[in-house]
Amino acid sequence: MSVELANAIYISDTAKKKIHQLMKDAGVENDASYFVRVGVVGGGCSGLSYKLDFDNEAKPMDQVFEDNGIKVVTDLKSFLYLVNTTLDFSDGLNGKGFYFSNPNASRTCGCGESFAV
C-alpha cells in the first residue's frame, strides 16, 4: 500500500529510471548521500526556469521529500513554486528529456523549460 503525500514533489516511473541511470553514469548510484536537487531560478522566456542536479550537501532551510524511491531536495523559496509538481521524463520522438508537470504554472513556454505563476 502506498500513501500519497500532500504538498510534495513527485517522481514518475520514467523519471526514476532515468535518474538511476544518470546516477550510475556519474558514479554516485551507491552513495546514499546523493539526492536530486530541484530548484527554480529567474530566467527563461516565461520568467522562471527549472534547475535540476545531483547534490550531496543539504542546506538548513531545504525541504526534503522521497517519492518512488528517489530523494528530492529543494530550497524553501523554490518549493513555493513546486508544490505538488511531478518530475517526469520523455525520450519519445520529441526528445524532450526531463520535464515538470507543475499545477502552479499559469503558463509555460513552448520548450517546457520555463514557466510563470
PDB file of N, CA and C in Angstrom:
ATOM      1  N   MET A   1       0.841  -1.181   0.000  1.00  0.00           N
ATOM      2  CA  MET A   1       0.000   0.000   0.000  1.00  0.00           C
ATOM      3  C   MET A   1       0.881   1.236   0.000  1.00  0.00           C
ATOM      4  N   SER A   2       0.590   2.164  -0.906  1.00  0.00           N
ATOM      5  CA  SER A   2       1.376   3.392  -0.934  1.00  0.00           C
ATOM      6  C   SER A   2       0.515   4.550  -0.451  1.00  0.00           C
ATOM      7  N   VAL A   3       1.142   5.432   0.267  1.00  0.00           N
ATOM      8  CA  VAL A   3       0.452   6.595   0.800  1.00  0.00           C
ATOM      9  C   VAL A   3       0.973   7.813   0.055  1.00  0.00           C
ATOM     10  N   GLU A   4       0.066   8.585  -0.528  1.00  0.00           N
ATOM     11  CA  GLU A   4       0.486   9.770  -1.266  1.00  0.00           C
ATOM     12  C   GLU A   4       0.632  10.939  -0.294  1.00  0.00           C
ATOM     13  N   LEU A   5       1.751  11.612  -0.391  1.00  0.00           N
ATOM     14  CA  LEU A   5       1.996  12.770   0.457  1.00  0.00           C
ATOM     15  C   LEU A   5       1.288  13.981  -0.131  1.00  0.00           C
ATOM     16  N   ALA A   6       0.764  14.826   0.713  1.00  0.00           N
ATOM     17  CA  ALA A   6       0.196  16.082   0.242  1.00  0.00           C
ATOM     18  C   ALA A   6       1.307  17.129   0.241  1.00  0.00           C
ATOM     19  N   ASN A   7       1.246  18.021  -0.703  1.00  0.00           N
ATOM     20  CA  ASN A   7       2.224  19.105  -0.796  1.00  0.00           C
ATOM     21  C   ASN A   7       3.651  18.584  -0.864  1.00  0.00           C
ATOM     22  N   ALA A   8       3.935  17.821  -1.886  1.00  0.00           N
ATOM     23  CA  ALA A   8       5.261  17.242  -2.063  1.00  0.00           C
ATOM     24  C   ALA A   8       5.707  17.441  -3.504  1.00  0.00           C
ATOM     25  N   ILE A   9       6.863  16.900  -3.828  1.00  0.00           N
ATOM     26  CA  ILE A   9       7.363  16.838  -5.204  1.00  0.00           C
ATOM     27  C   ILE A   9       7.411  15.361  -5.555  1.00  0.00           C
ATOM     28  N   TYR A  10       6.834  15.008  -6.697  1.00  0.00           N
ATOM     29  CA  TYR A  10       6.675  13.610  -7.074  1.00  0.00           C
ATOM     30  C   TYR A  10       7.603  13.243  -8.225  1.00  0.00           C
ATOM     31  N   ILE A  11       7.921  11.946  -8.322  1.00  0.00           N
ATOM     32  CA  ILE A  11       8.806  11.416  -9.358  1.00  0.00           C
ATOM     33  C   ILE A  11       8.053  10.326 -10.112  1.00  0.00           C
ATOM     34  N   SER A  12       7.949  10.466 -11.435  1.00  0.00           N
ATOM     35  CA  SER A  12       7.278   9.441 -12.236  1.00  0.00           C
ATOM     36  C   SER A  12       8.187   8.224 -12.374  1.00  0.00           C
ATOM     37  N   ASP A  13       7.620   7.115 -12.808  1.00  0.00           N
ATOM     38  CA  ASP A  13       8.408   5.901 -13.014  1.00  0.00           C
ATOM     39  C   ASP A  13       9.475   6.095 -14.085  1.00  0.00           C
ATOM     40  N   THR A  14       9.137   6.812 -15.177  1.00  0.00           N
ATOM     41  CA  THR A  14      10.123   7.019 -16.243  1.00  0.00           C
ATOM     42  C   THR A  14      11.255   7.927 -15.772  1.00  0.00           C
ATOM     43  N   ALA A  15      10.936   8.940 -14.958  1.00  0.00           N
ATOM     44  CA  ALA A  15      11.984   9.814 -14.411  1.00  0.00           C
ATOM     45  C   ALA A  15      12.868   9.029 -13.449  1.00  0.00           C
ATOM     46  N   LYS A  16      12.270   8.156 -12.655  1.00  0.00           N
ATOM     47  CA  LYS A  16      13.030   7.329 -11.704  1.00  0.00           C
ATOM     48  C   LYS A  16      14.070   6.489 -12.448  1.00  0.00           C
ATOM     49  N   LYS A  17      13.662   5.851 -13.523  1.00  0.00           N
ATOM     50  CA  LYS A  17      14.591   5.017 -14.301  1.00  0.00           C
ATOM     51  C   LYS A  17      15.745   5.845 -14.847  1.00  0.00           C
ATOM     52  N   LYS A  18      15.438   7.029 -15.379  1.00  0.00           N
ATOM     53  CA  LYS A  18      16.484   7.880 -15.951  1.00  0.00           C
ATOM     54  C   LYS A  18      17.406   8.412 -14.858  1.00  0.00           C
ATOM     55  N   ILE A  19      16.864   8.782 -13.714  1.00  0.00           N
ATOM     56  CA  ILE A  19      17.686   9.266 -12.600  1.00  0.00           C
ATOM     57  C   ILE A  19      18.661   8.179 -12.155  1.00  0.00           C
ATOM     58  N   HIS A  20      18.165   6.941 -12.018  1.00  0.00           N
ATOM     59  CA  HIS A  20      19.053   5.840 -11.634  1.00  0.00           C
ATOM     60  C   HIS A  20      20.162   5.653 -12.667  1.00  0.00           C
ATOM     61  N   GLN A  21      19.815   5.749 -13.934  1.00  0.00           N
ATOM     62  CA  GLN A  21      20.820   5.593 -14.996  1.00  0.00           C
ATOM     63  C   GLN A  21      21.859   6.705 -14.926  1.00  0.00           C
ATOM     64  N   LEU A  22      21.419   7.938 -14.739  1.00  0.00           N
ATOM     65  CA  LEU A  22      22.348   9.070 -14.670  1.00  0.00           C
ATOM     66  C   LEU A  22      23.226   9.011 -13.429  1.00  0.00           C
ATOM     67  N   MET A  23      22.667   8.559 -12.311  1.00  0.00           N
ATOM     68  CA  MET A  23      23.467   8.416 -11.086  1.00  0.00           C
ATOM     69  C   MET A  23      24.527   7.336 -11.277  1.00  0.00           C
ATOM     70  N   LYS A  24      24.154   6.269 -11.970  1.00  0.00           N
ATOM     71  CA  LYS A  24      25.119   5.211 -12.261  1.00  0.00           C
ATOM     72  C   LYS A  24      26.233   5.741 -13.156  1.00  0.00           C
ATOM     73  N   ASP A  25      25.856   6.486 -14.202  1.00  0.00           N
ATOM     74  CA  ASP A  25      26.841   7.074 -15.114  1.00  0.00           C
ATOM     75  C   ASP A  25      27.784   8.032 -14.389  1.00  0.00           C
ATOM     76  N   ALA A  26      27.257   8.733 -13.377  1.00  0.00           N
ATOM     77  CA  ALA A  26      28.063   9.697 -12.618  1.00  0.00           C
ATOM     78  C   ALA A  26      28.870   9.027 -11.514  1.00  0.00           C
ATOM     79  N   GLY A  27      28.657   7.732 -11.302  1.00  0.00           N
ATOM     80  CA  GLY A  27      29.404   7.009 -10.279  1.00  0.00           C
ATOM     81  C   GLY A  27      28.918   7.252  -8.864  1.00  0.00           C
ATOM     82  N   VAL A  28      27.681   7.727  -8.695  1.00  0.00           N
ATOM     83  CA  VAL A  28      27.159   8.004  -7.351  1.00  0.00           C
ATOM     84  C   VAL A  28      25.930   7.154  -7.021  1.00  0.00           C
ATOM     85  N   GLU A  29      25.684   6.138  -7.834  1.00  0.00           N
ATOM     86  CA  GLU A  29      24.495   5.306  -7.654  1.00  0.00           C
ATOM     87  C   GLU A  29      24.432   4.657  -6.277  1.00  0.00           C
ATOM     88  N   ASN A  30      25.557   4.234  -5.754  1.00  0.00           N
ATOM     89  CA  ASN A  30      25.580   3.533  -4.466  1.00  0.00           C
ATOM     90  C   ASN A  30      25.969   4.424  -3.292  1.00  0.00           C
ATOM     91  N   ASP A  31      26.002   5.724  -3.514  1.00  0.00           N
ATOM     92  CA  ASP A  31      26.335   6.674  -2.452  1.00  0.00           C
ATOM     93  C   ASP A  31      25.047   7.289  -1.920  1.00  0.00           C
ATOM     94  N   ALA A  32      24.613   6.852  -0.750  1.00  0.00           N
ATOM     95  CA  ALA A  32      23.336   7.293  -0.181  1.00  0.00           C
ATOM     96  C   ALA A  32      23.307   8.777   0.171  1.00  0.00           C
ATOM     97  N   SER A  33      24.456   9.452   0.159  1.00  0.00           N
ATOM     98  CA  SER A  33      24.463  10.874   0.490  1.00  0.00           C
ATOM     99  C   SER A  33      23.967  11.738  -0.682  1.00  0.00           C
ATOM    100  N   TYR A  34      23.891  11.169  -1.884  1.00  0.00           N
ATOM    101  CA  TYR A  34      23.457  11.946  -3.058  1.00  0.00           C
ATOM    102  C   TYR A  34      21.948  11.917  -3.219  1.00  0.00           C
ATOM    103  N   PHE A  35      21.423  13.039  -3.708  1.00  0.00           N
ATOM    104  CA  PHE A  35      19.991  13.185  -3.952  1.00  0.00           C
ATOM    105  C   PHE A  35      19.792  14.080  -5.168  1.00  0.00           C
ATOM    106  N   VAL A  36      18.553  14.175  -5.599  1.00  0.00           N
ATOM    107  CA  VAL A  36      18.199  15.056  -6.706  1.00  0.00           C
ATOM    108  C   VAL A  36      17.798  16.400  -6.114  1.00  0.00           C
ATOM    109  N   ARG A  37      18.478  17.466  -6.553  1.00  0.00           N
ATOM    110  CA  ARG A  37      18.114  18.808  -6.112  1.00  0.00           C
ATOM    111  C   ARG A  37      17.348  19.482  -7.247  1.00  0.00           C
ATOM    112  N   VAL A  38      16.150  19.963  -6.925  1.00  0.00           N
ATOM    113  CA  VAL A  38      15.366  20.715  -7.890  1.00  0.00           C
ATOM    114  C   VAL A  38      15.214  22.134  -7.367  1.00  0.00           C
ATOM    115  N   GLY A  39      15.143  23.056  -8.278  1.00  0.00           N
ATOM    116  CA  GLY A  39      15.008  24.449  -7.884  1.00  0.00           C
ATOM    117  C   GLY A  39      14.363  25.272  -8.977  1.00  0.00           C
ATOM    118  N   VAL A  40      14.072  26.495  -8.643  1.00  0.00           N
ATOM    119  CA  VAL A  40      13.501  27.457  -9.565  1.00  0.00           C
ATOM    120  C   VAL A  40      14.392  28.686  -9.547  1.00  0.00           C
ATOM    121  N   VAL A  41      14.775  29.149 -10.728  1.00  0.00           N
ATOM    122  CA  VAL A  41      15.602  30.351 -10.848  1.00  0.00           C
ATOM    123  C   VAL A  41      14.933  31.302 -11.829  1.00  0.00           C
ATOM    124  N   GLY A  42      15.236  32.577 -11.700  1.00  0.00           N
ATOM    125  CA  GLY A  42      14.709  33.560 -12.629  1.00  0.00           C
ATOM    126  C   GLY A  42      15.335  33.389 -14.000  1.00  0.00           C
ATOM    127  N   GLY A  43      14.534  33.586 -15.037  1.00  0.00           N
ATOM    128  CA  GLY A  43      15.047  33.487 -16.403  1.00  0.00           C
ATOM    129  C   GLY A  43      14.140  32.659 -17.276  1.00  0.00           C
ATOM    130  N   GLY A  44      14.560  32.476 -18.503  1.00  0.00           N
ATOM    131  CA  GLY A  44      13.732  31.743 -19.458  1.00  0.00           C
ATOM    132  C   GLY A  44      12.706  32.650 -20.089  1.00  0.00           C
ATOM    133  N   CYS A  45      12.072  32.177 -21.134  1.00  0.00           N
ATOM    134  CA  CYS A  45      11.149  33.030 -21.876  1.00  0.00           C
ATOM    135  C   CYS A  45       9.833  33.288 -21.140  1.00  0.00           C
ATOM    136  N   SER A  46       9.538  32.535 -20.082  1.00  0.00           N
ATOM    137  CA  SER A  46       8.316  32.767 -19.314  1.00  0.00           C
ATOM    138  C   SER A  46       8.578  33.382 -17.948  1.00  0.00           C
ATOM    139  N   GLY A  47       9.834  33.643 -17.603  1.00  0.00           N
ATOM    140  CA  GLY A  47      10.162  34.328 -16.358  1.00  0.00           C
ATOM    141  C   GLY A  47      10.850  33.492 -15.307  1.00  0.00           C
ATOM    142  N   LEU A  48      10.506  32.202 -15.196  1.00  0.00           N
ATOM    143  CA  LEU A  48      11.114  31.311 -14.219  1.00  0.00           C
ATOM    144  C   LEU A  48      11.551  30.032 -14.917  1.00  0.00           C
ATOM    145  N   SER A  49      12.684  29.478 -14.510  1.00  0.00           N
ATOM    146  CA  SER A  49      13.191  28.246 -15.102  1.00  0.00           C
ATOM    147  C   SER A  49      13.456  27.209 -14.015  1.00  0.00           C
ATOM    148  N   TYR A  50      13.370  25.955 -14.405  1.00  0.00           N
ATOM    149  CA  TYR A  50      13.661  24.857 -13.501  1.00  0.00           C
ATOM    150  C   TYR A  50      15.147  24.554 -13.515  1.00  0.00           C
ATOM    151  N   LYS A  51      15.646  24.125 -12.365  1.00  0.00           N
ATOM    152  CA  LYS A  51      17.040  23.706 -12.241  1.00  0.00           C
ATOM    153  C   LYS A  51      17.033  22.304 -11.630  1.00  0.00           C
ATOM    154  N   LEU A  52      17.853  21.420 -12.171  1.00  0.00           N
ATOM    155  CA  LEU A  52      17.868  20.028 -11.747  1.00  0.00           C
ATOM    156  C   LEU A  52      19.301  19.542 -11.722  1.00  0.00           C
ATOM    157  N   ASP A  53      19.721  18.919 -10.601  1.00  0.00           N
ATOM    158  CA  ASP A  53      21.105  18.469 -10.483  1.00  0.00           C
ATOM    159  C   ASP A  53      21.199  17.417  -9.381  1.00  0.00           C
ATOM    160  N   PHE A  54      22.332  16.733  -9.319  1.00  0.00           N
ATOM    161  CA  PHE A  54      22.637  15.858  -8.194  1.00  0.00           C
ATOM    162  C   PHE A  54      23.417  16.671  -7.183  1.00  0.00           C
ATOM    163  N   ASP A  55      23.189  16.390  -5.899  1.00  0.00           N
ATOM    164  CA  ASP A  55      23.872  17.117  -4.830  1.00  0.00           C
ATOM    165  C   ASP A  55      24.047  16.155  -3.663  1.00  0.00           C
ATOM    166  N   ASN A  56      24.945  16.488  -2.767  1.00  0.00           N
ATOM    167  CA  ASN A  56      25.095  15.683  -1.552  1.00  0.00           C
ATOM    168  C   ASN A  56      25.281  16.556  -0.317  1.00  0.00           C
ATOM    169  N   GLU A  57      24.943  17.852  -0.448  1.00  0.00           N
ATOM    170  CA  GLU A  57      25.041  18.766   0.683  1.00  0.00           C
ATOM    171  C   GLU A  57      23.713  19.464   0.903  1.00  0.00           C
ATOM    172  N   ALA A  58      23.022  19.084   1.973  1.00  0.00           N
ATOM    173  CA  ALA A  58      21.760  19.734   2.314  1.00  0.00           C
ATOM    174  C   ALA A  58      22.039  21.058   3.017  1.00  0.00           C
ATOM    175  N   LYS A  59      21.155  22.011   2.812  1.00  0.00           N
ATOM    176  CA  LYS A  59      21.256  23.320   3.456  1.00  0.00           C
ATOM    177  C   LYS A  59      20.192  23.417   4.551  1.00  0.00           C
ATOM    178  N   PRO A  60      20.375  24.311   5.522  1.00  0.00           N
ATOM    179  CA  PRO A  60      19.480  24.356   6.687  1.00  0.00           C
ATOM    180  C   PRO A  60      17.992  24.510   6.369  1.00  0.00           C
ATOM    181  N   MET A  61      17.610  25.277   5.363  1.00  0.00           N
ATOM    182  CA  MET A  61      16.196  25.516   5.072  1.00  0.00           C
ATOM    183  C   MET A  61      15.656  24.624   3.948  1.00  0.00           C
ATOM    184  N   ASP A  62      16.408  23.602   3.562  1.00  0.00           N
ATOM    185  CA  ASP A  62      15.962  22.699   2.495  1.00  0.00           C
ATOM    186  C   ASP A  62      14.713  21.929   2.904  1.00  0.00           C
ATOM    187  N   GLN A  63      13.888  21.664   1.918  1.00  0.00           N
ATOM    188  CA  GLN A  63      12.721  20.809   2.080  1.00  0.00           C
ATOM    189  C   GLN A  63      13.089  19.456   1.463  1.00  0.00           C
ATOM    190  N   VAL A  64      12.868  18.385   2.190  1.00  0.00           N
ATOM    191  CA  VAL A  64      13.298  17.062   1.759  1.00  0.00           C
ATOM    192  C   VAL A  64      12.077  16.163   1.571  1.00  0.00           C
ATOM    193  N   PHE A  65      12.046  15.478   0.424  1.00  0.00           N
ATOM    194  CA  PHE A  65      10.949  14.573   0.098  1.00  0.00           C
ATOM    195  C   PHE A  65      11.527  13.272  -0.435  1.00  0.00           C
ATOM    196  N   GLU A  66      10.745  12.227  -0.362  1.00  0.00           N
ATOM    197  CA  GLU A  66      11.114  10.984  -1.030  1.00  0.00           C
ATOM    198  C   GLU A  66       9.868  10.460  -1.707  1.00  0.00           C
ATOM    199  N   ASP A  67       9.973  10.215  -3.003  1.00  0.00           N
ATOM    200  CA  ASP A  67       8.861   9.656  -3.757  1.00  0.00           C
ATOM    201  C   ASP A  67       9.409   8.637  -4.739  1.00  0.00           C
ATOM    202  N   ASN A  68       8.742   7.519  -4.836  1.00  0.00           N
ATOM    203  CA  ASN A  68       9.113   6.491  -5.803  1.00  0.00           C
ATOM    204  C   ASN A  68      10.567   6.040  -5.615  1.00  0.00           C
ATOM    205  N   GLY A  69      11.038   6.091  -4.358  1.00  0.00           N
ATOM    206  CA  GLY A  69      12.392   5.643  -4.056  1.00  0.00           C
ATOM    207  C   GLY A  69      13.475   6.661  -4.365  1.00  0.00           C
ATOM    208  N   ILE A  70      13.094   7.867  -4.731  1.00  0.00           N
ATOM    209  CA  ILE A  70      14.058   8.919  -5.066  1.00  0.00           C
ATOM    210  C   ILE A  70      13.969  10.030  -4.023  1.00  0.00           C
ATOM    211  N   LYS A  71      15.119  10.400  -3.465  1.00  0.00           N
ATOM    212  CA  LYS A  71      15.175  11.519  -2.516  1.00  0.00           C
ATOM    213  C   LYS A  71      15.295  12.814  -3.309  1.00  0.00           C
ATOM    214  N   VAL A  72      14.376  13.744  -3.032  1.00  0.00           N
ATOM    215  CA  VAL A  72      14.325  15.028  -3.723  1.00  0.00           C
ATOM    216  C   VAL A  72      14.456  16.134  -2.687  1.00  0.00           C
ATOM    217  N   VAL A  73      15.325  17.097  -2.963  1.00  0.00           N
ATOM    218  CA  VAL A  73      15.561  18.205  -2.051  1.00  0.00           C
ATOM    219  C   VAL A  73      15.397  19.509  -2.823  1.00  0.00           C
ATOM    220  N   THR A  74      14.778  20.490  -2.188  1.00  0.00           N
ATOM    221  CA  THR A  74      14.636  21.811  -2.791  1.00  0.00           C
ATOM    222  C   THR A  74      14.734  22.869  -1.699  1.00  0.00           C
ATOM    223  N   ASP A  75      15.140  24.059  -2.097  1.00  0.00           N
ATOM    224  CA  ASP A  75      15.166  25.152  -1.125  1.00  0.00           C
ATOM    225  C   ASP A  75      13.734  25.621  -0.892  1.00  0.00           C
ATOM    226  N   LEU A  76      13.504  26.280   0.228  1.00  0.00           N
ATOM    227  CA  LEU A  76      12.155  26.693   0.623  1.00  0.00           C
ATOM    228  C   LEU A  76      11.517  27.623  -0.407  1.00  0.00           C
ATOM    229  N   LYS A  77      12.268  28.574  -0.925  1.00  0.00           N
ATOM    230  CA  LYS A  77      11.718  29.525  -1.900  1.00  0.00           C
ATOM    231  C   LYS A  77      11.257  28.797  -3.169  1.00  0.00           C
ATOM    232  N   SER A  78      12.072  27.874  -3.668  1.00  0.00           N
ATOM    233  CA  SER A  78      11.689  27.115  -4.860  1.00  0.00           C
ATOM    234  C   SER A  78      10.480  26.240  -4.592  1.00  0.00           C
ATOM    235  N   PHE A  79      10.411  25.671  -3.391  1.00  0.00           N
ATOM    236  CA  PHE A  79       9.300  24.781  -3.076  1.00  0.00           C
ATOM    237  C   PHE A  79       7.959  25.476  -3.206  1.00  0.00           C
ATOM    238  N   LEU A  80       7.914  26.765  -2.909  1.00  0.00           N
ATOM    239  CA  LEU A  80       6.658  27.502  -3.041  1.00  0.00           C
ATOM    240  C   LEU A  80       6.129  27.454  -4.470  1.00  0.00           C
ATOM    241  N   TYR A  81       7.023  27.342  -5.455  1.00  0.00           N
ATOM    242  CA  TYR A  81       6.631  27.229  -6.862  1.00  0.00           C
ATOM    243  C   TYR A  81       6.421  25.777  -7.296  1.00  0.00           C
ATOM    244  N   LEU A  82       6.947  24.832  -6.511  1.00  0.00           N
ATOM    245  CA  LEU A  82       6.978  23.426  -6.935  1.00  0.00           C
ATOM    246  C   LEU A  82       6.011  22.511  -6.183  1.00  0.00           C
ATOM    247  N   VAL A  83       5.178  23.047  -5.308  1.00  0.00           N
ATOM    248  CA  VAL A  83       4.251  22.231  -4.535  1.00  0.00           C
ATOM    249  C   VAL A  83       3.412  21.367  -5.481  1.00  0.00           C
ATOM    250  N   ASN A  84       3.397  20.064  -5.227  1.00  0.00           N
ATOM    251  CA  ASN A  84       2.614  19.084  -5.986  1.00  0.00           C
ATOM    252  C   ASN A  84       3.038  18.938  -7.445  1.00  0.00           C
ATOM    253  N   THR A  85       4.272  19.283  -7.752  1.00  0.00           N
ATOM    254  CA  THR A  85       4.819  19.127  -9.098  1.00  0.00           C
ATOM    255  C   THR A  85       5.367  17.715  -9.268  1.00  0.00           C
ATOM    256  N   THR A  86       5.225  17.172 -10.469  1.00  0.00           N
ATOM    257  CA  THR A  86       5.774  15.859 -10.789  1.00  0.00           C
ATOM    258  C   THR A  86       6.921  16.008 -11.781  1.00  0.00           C
ATOM    259  N   LEU A  87       8.059  15.426 -11.441  1.00  0.00           N
ATOM    260  CA  LEU A  87       9.186  15.366 -12.365  1.00  0.00           C
ATOM    261  C   LEU A  87       8.989  14.136 -13.236  1.00  0.00           C
ATOM    262  N   ASP A  88       9.018  14.341 -14.550  1.00  0.00           N
ATOM    263  CA  ASP A  88       8.801  13.251 -15.493  1.00  0.00           C
ATOM    264  C   ASP A  88       9.927  13.240 -16.511  1.00  0.00           C
ATOM    265  N   PHE A  89       9.965  12.213 -17.338  1.00  0.00           N
ATOM    266  CA  PHE A  89      10.992  12.101 -18.363  1.00  0.00           C
ATOM    267  C   PHE A  89      10.368  11.514 -19.612  1.00  0.00           C
ATOM    268  N   SER A  90      10.728  12.092 -20.750  1.00  0.00           N
ATOM    269  CA  SER A  90      10.251  11.593 -22.034  1.00  0.00           C
ATOM    270  C   SER A  90      11.434  11.413 -22.965  1.00  0.00           C
ATOM    271  N   ASP A  91      11.527  10.242 -23.565  1.00  0.00           N
ATOM    272  CA  ASP A  91      12.568  10.029 -24.571  1.00  0.00           C
ATOM    273  C   ASP A  91      11.925   9.695 -25.914  1.00  0.00           C
ATOM    274  N   GLY A  92      10.728  10.207 -26.109  1.00  0.00           N
ATOM    275  CA  GLY A  92       9.981   9.953 -27.339  1.00  0.00           C
ATOM    276  C   GLY A  92      10.550  10.715 -28.524  1.00  0.00           C
ATOM    277  N   LEU A  93       9.769  10.812 -29.563  1.00  0.00           N
ATOM    278  CA  LEU A  93      10.208  11.467 -30.799  1.00  0.00           C
ATOM    279  C   LEU A  93      10.582  12.921 -30.587  1.00  0.00           C
ATOM    280  N   ASN A  94       9.926  13.576 -29.652  1.00  0.00           N
ATOM    281  CA  ASN A  94      10.249  14.979 -29.377  1.00  0.00           C
ATOM    282  C   ASN A  94      11.563  15.118 -28.627  1.00  0.00           C
ATOM    283  N   GLY A  95      12.043  14.022 -28.012  1.00  0.00           N
ATOM    284  CA  GLY A  95      13.306  14.060 -27.280  1.00  0.00           C
ATOM    285  C   GLY A  95      13.310  15.095 -26.189  1.00  0.00           C
ATOM    286  N   LYS A  96      12.222  15.211 -25.472  1.00  0.00           N
ATOM    287  CA  LYS A  96      12.034  16.283 -24.511  1.00  0.00           C
ATOM    288  C   LYS A  96      12.954  16.193 -23.297  1.00  0.00           C
ATOM    289  N   GLY A  97      13.315  14.988 -22.840  1.00  0.00           N
ATOM    290  CA  GLY A  97      14.132  14.849 -21.647  1.00  0.00           C
ATOM    291  C   GLY A  97      13.306  15.024 -20.389  1.00  0.00           C
ATOM    292  N   PHE A  98      13.924  15.537 -19.314  1.00  0.00           N
ATOM    293  CA  PHE A  98      13.186  15.771 -18.073  1.00  0.00           C
ATOM    294  C   PHE A  98      12.257  16.962 -18.266  1.00  0.00           C
ATOM    295  N   TYR A  99      11.077  16.864 -17.674  1.00  0.00           N
ATOM    296  CA  TYR A  99      10.155  17.995 -17.675  1.00  0.00           C
ATOM    297  C   TYR A  99       9.312  17.947 -16.407  1.00  0.00           C
ATOM    298  N   PHE A 100       8.747  19.070 -16.052  1.00  0.00           N
ATOM    299  CA  PHE A 100       7.973  19.210 -14.829  1.00  0.00           C
ATOM    300  C   PHE A 100       6.508  19.403 -15.170  1.00  0.00           C
ATOM    301  N   SER A 101       5.639  18.609 -14.551  1.00  0.00           N
ATOM    302  CA  SER A 101       4.193  18.817 -14.639  1.00  0.00           C
ATOM    303  C   SER A 101       3.818  19.613 -13.398  1.00  0.00           C
ATOM    304  N   ASN A 102       3.713  20.920 -13.584  1.00  0.00           N
ATOM    305  CA  ASN A 102       3.561  21.833 -12.457  1.00  0.00           C
ATOM    306  C   ASN A 102       2.158  22.434 -12.445  1.00  0.00           C
ATOM    307  N   PRO A 103       1.321  22.044 -11.476  1.00  0.00           N
ATOM    308  CA  PRO A 103      -0.040  22.584 -11.407  1.00  0.00           C
ATOM    309  C   PRO A 103      -0.076  24.062 -10.999  1.00  0.00           C
ATOM    310  N   ASN A 104       1.042  24.610 -10.541  1.00  0.00           N
ATOM    311  CA  ASN A 104       1.098  26.013 -10.114  1.00  0.00           C
ATOM    312  C   ASN A 104       1.408  26.961 -11.263  1.00  0.00           C
ATOM    313  N   ALA A 105       1.856  26.435 -12.386  1.00  0.00           N
ATOM    314  CA  ALA A 105       2.251  27.277 -13.517  1.00  0.00           C
ATOM    315  C   ALA A 105       1.016  27.780 -14.253  1.00  0.00           C
ATOM    316  N   SER A 106       0.943  29.090 -14.441  1.00  0.00           N
ATOM    317  CA  SER A 106      -0.175  29.655 -15.196  1.00  0.00           C
ATOM    318  C   SER A 106       0.085  29.572 -16.696  1.00  0.00           C
ATOM    319  N   ARG A 107       1.350  29.550 -17.073  1.00  0.00           N
ATOM    320  CA  ARG A 107       1.717  29.333 -18.480  1.00  0.00           C
ATOM    321  C   ARG A 107       3.141  28.792 -18.531  1.00  0.00           C
ATOM    322  N   THR A 108       3.422  28.060 -19.598  1.00  0.00           N
ATOM    323  CA  THR A 108       4.758  27.538 -19.821  1.00  0.00           C
ATOM    324  C   THR A 108       5.192  27.912 -21.225  1.00  0.00           C
ATOM    325  N   CYS A 109       6.481  27.891 -21.452  1.00  0.00           N
ATOM    326  CA  CYS A 109       6.989  28.200 -22.785  1.00  0.00           C
ATOM    327  C   CYS A 109       6.875  26.959 -23.667  1.00  0.00           C
ATOM    328  N   GLY A 110       7.091  27.114 -24.930  1.00  0.00           N
ATOM    329  CA  GLY A 110       6.988  26.017 -25.880  1.00  0.00           C
ATOM    330  C   GLY A 110       7.977  24.897 -25.616  1.00  0.00           C
ATOM    331  N   CYS A 111       9.140  25.216 -25.100  1.00  0.00           N
ATOM    332  CA  CYS A 111      10.143  24.171 -24.845  1.00  0.00           C
ATOM    333  C   CYS A 111       9.920  23.485 -23.505  1.00  0.00           C
ATOM    334  N   GLY A 112       9.051  24.040 -22.646  1.00  0.00           N
ATOM    335  CA  GLY A 112       8.750  23.419 -21.356  1.00  0.00           C
ATOM    336  C   GLY A 112       9.797  23.639 -20.286  1.00  0.00           C
ATOM    337  N   GLU A 113      10.789  24.471 -20.561  1.00  0.00           N
ATOM    338  CA  GLU A 113      11.851  24.685 -19.590  1.00  0.00           C
ATOM    339  C   GLU A 113      11.644  25.910 -18.718  1.00  0.00           C
ATOM    340  N   SER A 114      10.653  26.728 -19.041  1.00  0.00           N
ATOM    341  CA  SER A 114      10.371  27.872 -18.176  1.00  0.00           C
ATOM    342  C   SER A 114       8.868  28.008 -18.002  1.00  0.00           C
ATOM    343  N   PHE A 115       8.481  28.774 -16.977  1.00  0.00           N
ATOM    344  CA  PHE A 115       7.071  28.903 -16.645  1.00  0.00           C
ATOM    345  C   PHE A 115       6.812  30.217 -15.934  1.00  0.00           C
ATOM    346  N   ALA A 116       5.542  30.535 -15.755  1.00  0.00           N
ATOM    347  CA  ALA A 116       5.116  31.711 -14.982  1.00  0.00           C
ATOM    348  C   ALA A 116       4.013  31.277 -14.046  1.00  0.00           C
ATOM    349  N   VAL A 117       3.879  32.021 -12.948  1.00  0.00           N
ATOM    350  CA  VAL A 117       2.813  31.716 -11.989  1.00  0.00           C
ATOM    351  C   VAL A 117       1.863  32.884 -11.894  1.00  0.00           C
TER     352      VAL A 117
END
